[in-house]
Amino acid sequence: MAHHLDGHYLIIGGTTKAATTSLFNYLADHPEVCASKNKETRFFLDEDYPVPLRDHHIRQGIAAYENFFERCAPSKLRLEATPDYLYSPNTATRLNRYLPQAKLIFILRDPVDRLYSWYGFAQQNNSLPEDVTFESYVQQQLSGAPKREQHWLALEQGRYTEYLKLYARELGADDILLVNYSLLSKDTLSALQCVCKFAGLDSQFYHHYDFKLHNKTQK
């Protein structure tokens, strides 16, 4: 049984509501990259994290991770994006153990803007009733009520520093890239050039690339 995987992996590990789908799609188009068959493999999430897990999970052994990349040539950089990795307490340790050559990208968005985006998204998908105001949404989170649904974790999960400390300790600064959401939105080419330099990709591919926005919240 394999104890770890030796391939090169680029993982977009966070944060939620910060254009991770767009970045995943931009990178998936790069000829040196092979993307996972599901954008969010969720493979390394804790089993009690409040999102549904897929059929393949770390409990089956690290070899099961290869099922997401079965069509990938060995020479390609393997890509996935599970934005909840940032908040799953044991994920950093698993990545360090099982994917020793992985590099992690975290897109950080202004916490207030991100909170409002989560509010709009939760109403858009009917997780939050239309009559719940933004002020009430925030106050209920400040009250500390033990709610486990993702949209009720948005305030706490905007405190990025505590989560990033664990990743810095487990992986080291050289294997982590922080991307400013504002830069990614307003000067996408510059942001992709930084990502390419970090990942060892040729950034020339993006000089005439059509950067389309993906998975935009409507409210």
Protein backbone atom coordinates (compact mmCIF):
# COMPACT_ATOMS: atom_id res chain seq x y z
CA MET A 1 0.00 0.00 0.00
CA ALA A 2 1.35 3.44 -0.96
CA HIS A 3 2.33 5.68 1.94
CA HIS A 4 2.41 8.84 -0.20
CA LEU A 5 2.24 10.01 -3.81
CA ASP A 6 5.33 11.35 -5.56
CA GLY A 7 3.67 13.39 -8.32
CA HIS A 8 3.51 17.17 -8.43
CA TYR A 9 0.21 18.62 -7.27
CA LEU A 10 -1.17 22.15 -7.21
CA ILE A 11 -4.09 22.54 -4.83
CA ILE A 12 -6.37 25.56 -4.47
CA GLY A 13 -7.22 25.15 -0.80
CA GLY A 14 -9.33 28.22 -0.09
CA THR A 15 -11.11 30.35 0.58
CA THR A 16 -14.80 29.84 -0.16
CA LYS A 17 -16.58 32.58 -2.17
CA ALA A 18 -13.27 33.86 -3.55
CA ALA A 19 -13.19 32.87 -7.25
CA THR A 20 -11.63 29.45 -6.70
CA THR A 21 -13.75 28.04 -9.55
CA SER A 22 -12.49 30.69 -11.95
CA LEU A 23 -8.85 30.11 -11.02
CA PHE A 24 -9.34 26.35 -11.28
CA ASN A 25 -10.74 26.69 -14.80
CA TYR A 26 -8.00 29.08 -15.94
CA LEU A 27 -5.31 26.68 -14.72
CA ALA A 28 -7.11 23.60 -16.06
CA ASP A 29 -6.82 25.08 -19.56
CA HIS A 30 -3.03 25.33 -19.32
CA PRO A 31 -1.33 22.68 -21.50
CA GLU A 32 1.10 21.75 -18.70
CA VAL A 33 -1.73 21.05 -16.26
CA CYS A 34 -4.12 18.12 -15.81
CA ALA A 35 -7.13 18.88 -13.63
CA SER A 36 -9.02 16.47 -11.40
CA LYS A 37 -12.24 15.11 -12.89
CA ASN A 38 -14.10 16.85 -10.05
CA LYS A 39 -13.02 20.38 -9.23
CA GLU A 40 -13.53 19.68 -5.51
CA THR A 41 -12.18 16.24 -4.72
CA ARG A 42 -12.75 16.87 -0.99
CA PHE A 43 -10.41 13.93 -0.55
CA PHE A 44 -8.44 15.26 2.43
CA LEU A 45 -11.33 16.86 4.33
CA ASP A 46 -12.12 15.70 7.85
CA GLU A 47 -15.04 13.28 7.79
CA ASP A 48 -17.12 15.53 10.07
CA TYR A 49 -16.57 18.69 7.99
CA PRO A 50 -20.02 20.06 6.96
CA VAL A 51 -19.93 19.33 3.23
CA PRO A 52 -20.82 16.01 1.54
CA LEU A 53 -17.78 13.84 0.83
CA ARG A 54 -17.27 12.04 -2.46
CA ASP A 55 -17.00 8.30 -2.98
CA HIS A 56 -13.21 8.50 -2.85
CA HIS A 57 -11.81 9.75 0.47
CA ILE A 58 -8.61 9.41 2.48
CA ARG A 59 -10.29 6.71 4.61
CA GLN A 60 -9.87 4.42 1.57
CA GLY A 61 -6.12 5.02 1.45
CA ILE A 62 -4.05 7.53 -0.48
CA ALA A 63 -4.05 5.39 -3.64
CA ALA A 64 -7.76 6.24 -4.09
CA TYR A 65 -6.75 9.86 -4.78
CA GLU A 66 -5.40 8.72 -8.14
CA ASN A 67 -8.96 8.01 -9.30
CA PHE A 68 -9.45 11.75 -9.74
CA PHE A 69 -6.44 11.92 -12.10
CA GLU A 70 -6.68 8.63 -13.99
CA ARG A 71 -6.43 10.35 -17.39
CA CYS A 72 -3.39 12.46 -16.45
CA ALA A 73 0.02 11.89 -18.00
CA PRO A 74 2.84 11.59 -15.41
CA SER A 75 4.53 14.74 -16.73
CA LYS A 76 1.52 17.00 -16.07
CA LEU A 77 1.01 19.12 -12.98
CA ARG A 78 -2.08 17.78 -11.25
CA LEU A 79 -4.65 20.33 -10.13
CA GLU A 80 -7.61 20.31 -7.80
CA ALA A 81 -9.56 22.93 -5.84
CA THR A 82 -11.31 22.23 -2.56
CA PRO A 83 -11.78 25.65 -0.93
CA ASP A 84 -12.80 24.15 2.42
CA TYR A 85 -9.37 22.58 2.93
CA LEU A 86 -8.32 25.81 4.64
CA TYR A 87 -10.82 25.21 7.45
CA SER A 88 -10.55 21.45 7.95
CA PRO A 89 -8.36 21.00 11.06
CA ASN A 90 -6.47 17.87 10.00
CA THR A 91 -6.12 18.52 6.27
CA ALA A 92 -2.78 20.32 6.39
CA THR A 93 -1.21 17.39 8.24
CA ARG A 94 -2.62 14.92 5.70
CA LEU A 95 -1.33 16.92 2.75
CA ASN A 96 2.12 17.13 4.29
CA ARG A 97 2.13 13.38 4.86
CA TYR A 98 0.57 12.06 1.67
CA LEU A 99 1.49 14.69 -0.98
CA PRO A 100 5.00 15.81 0.00
CA GLN A 101 5.52 17.77 -3.24
CA ALA A 102 2.17 19.57 -3.23
CA LYS A 103 1.90 23.35 -3.46
CA LEU A 104 -1.08 25.17 -1.97
CA ILE A 105 -2.84 28.32 -3.16
CA PHE A 106 -5.16 30.32 -0.93
CA ILE A 107 -7.18 33.19 -2.37
CA LEU A 108 -7.96 35.69 0.38
CA ARG A 109 -10.89 38.08 0.04
CA ASP A 110 -11.86 41.04 2.20
CA PRO A 111 -13.69 39.28 5.07
CA VAL A 112 -16.68 41.65 5.03
CA ASP A 113 -17.15 41.37 1.25
CA ARG A 114 -16.83 37.61 1.52
CA LEU A 115 -19.38 37.49 4.33
CA TYR A 116 -21.86 39.45 2.26
CA SER A 117 -21.22 37.15 -0.69
CA TRP A 118 -21.98 34.13 1.50
CA TYR A 119 -25.20 35.84 2.60
CA GLY A 120 -26.26 36.36 -1.00
CA PHE A 121 -25.26 32.84 -2.01
CA ALA A 122 -27.19 31.29 0.90
CA GLN A 123 -30.32 33.16 -0.14
CA GLN A 124 -29.73 32.32 -3.78
CA ASN A 125 -29.67 28.58 -3.06
CA ASN A 126 -32.53 28.80 -0.51
CA SER A 127 -30.35 27.88 2.47
CA LEU A 128 -31.31 31.20 4.07
CA PRO A 129 -34.87 32.59 4.02
CA GLU A 130 -35.41 35.78 2.01
CA ASP A 131 -36.68 37.62 5.11
CA VAL A 132 -33.39 37.18 7.02
CA THR A 133 -31.57 40.51 6.81
CA PHE A 134 -27.80 40.76 6.51
CA GLU A 135 -27.66 42.34 9.98
CA SER A 136 -29.59 39.38 11.44
CA TYR A 137 -27.36 36.95 9.58
CA VAL A 138 -24.27 38.52 11.15
CA GLN A 139 -25.78 38.82 14.63
CA GLN A 140 -26.77 35.16 14.70
CA GLN A 141 -23.15 34.23 13.98
CA LEU A 142 -21.85 36.64 16.61
CA SER A 143 -24.18 35.06 19.16
CA GLY A 144 -22.15 31.86 18.94
CA ALA A 145 -25.11 29.61 18.23
CA PRO A 146 -23.75 26.14 17.34
CA LYS A 147 -24.83 25.89 13.70
CA ARG A 148 -22.86 23.61 11.40
CA GLU A 149 -24.12 24.56 7.95
CA GLN A 150 -21.45 26.25 5.83
CA HIS A 151 -23.20 29.60 5.50
CA TRP A 152 -23.33 29.94 9.30
CA LEU A 153 -19.54 29.53 9.48
CA ALA A 154 -18.77 32.45 7.15
CA LEU A 155 -17.95 34.99 9.88
CA GLU A 156 -15.60 32.71 11.81
CA GLN A 157 -13.93 31.48 8.63
CA GLY A 158 -13.08 35.05 7.65
CA ARG A 159 -10.42 35.04 10.38
CA TYR A 160 -7.81 33.62 8.02
CA THR A 161 -4.69 33.97 10.15
CA GLU A 162 -5.43 31.18 12.60
CA TYR A 163 -6.11 28.70 9.80
CA LEU A 164 -3.06 29.72 7.78
CA LYS A 165 -0.73 29.29 10.74
CA LEU A 166 -1.34 25.56 10.69
CA TYR A 167 -0.55 25.32 6.97
CA ALA A 168 2.61 27.38 7.38
CA ARG A 169 3.75 25.07 10.17
CA GLU A 170 2.96 21.86 8.27
CA LEU A 171 4.00 22.78 4.71
CA GLY A 172 6.40 25.71 5.03
CA ALA A 173 6.14 29.14 3.44
CA ASP A 174 7.80 28.12 0.16
CA ASP A 175 4.93 25.77 -0.70
CA ILE A 176 2.13 28.27 -0.01
CA LEU A 177 0.96 31.14 -2.21
CA LEU A 178 -1.52 33.75 -1.00
CA VAL A 179 -3.45 35.41 -3.82
CA ASN A 180 -5.33 38.67 -3.33
CA TYR A 181 -8.92 38.27 -4.53
CA SER A 182 -9.02 41.90 -5.61
CA LEU A 183 -5.93 41.43 -7.80
CA LEU A 184 -7.37 38.24 -9.28
CA SER A 185 -10.59 40.09 -10.12
CA LYS A 186 -9.13 43.35 -11.43
CA ASP A 187 -5.78 42.33 -12.94
CA THR A 188 -6.24 38.66 -13.66
CA LEU A 189 -3.21 38.37 -15.93
CA SER A 190 -0.87 39.66 -13.22
CA ALA A 191 -2.39 37.26 -10.72
CA LEU A 192 -1.95 34.32 -13.11
CA GLN A 193 1.65 35.30 -13.77
CA CYS A 194 2.29 35.08 -10.01
CA VAL A 195 0.57 31.70 -9.86
CA CYS A 196 2.57 30.40 -12.83
CA LYS A 197 5.86 31.48 -11.28
CA PHE A 198 4.91 29.74 -8.04
CA ALA A 199 3.79 26.55 -9.82
CA GLY A 200 6.59 26.42 -12.39
CA LEU A 201 4.29 26.98 -15.38
CA ASP A 202 4.88 29.01 -18.55
CA SER A 203 2.82 32.20 -18.12
CA GLN A 204 2.94 33.02 -21.85
CA PHE A 205 -0.15 30.88 -22.28
CA TYR A 206 -2.26 33.57 -20.58
CA HIS A 207 -1.11 36.59 -22.58
CA HIS A 208 -4.00 36.22 -25.04
CA TYR A 209 -6.31 34.17 -22.84
CA ASP A 210 -10.02 34.95 -22.38
CA PHE A 211 -10.49 35.22 -18.62
CA LYS A 212 -14.17 34.42 -18.11
CA LEU A 213 -15.79 34.62 -14.68
CA HIS A 214 -17.13 31.32 -13.35
CA ASN A 215 -19.69 30.49 -10.66
CA LYS A 216 -20.62 34.07 -9.83
CA THR A 217 -23.03 34.68 -6.95
CA GLN A 218 -26.11 36.43 -8.35
CA LYS A 219 -27.09 38.38 -5.22
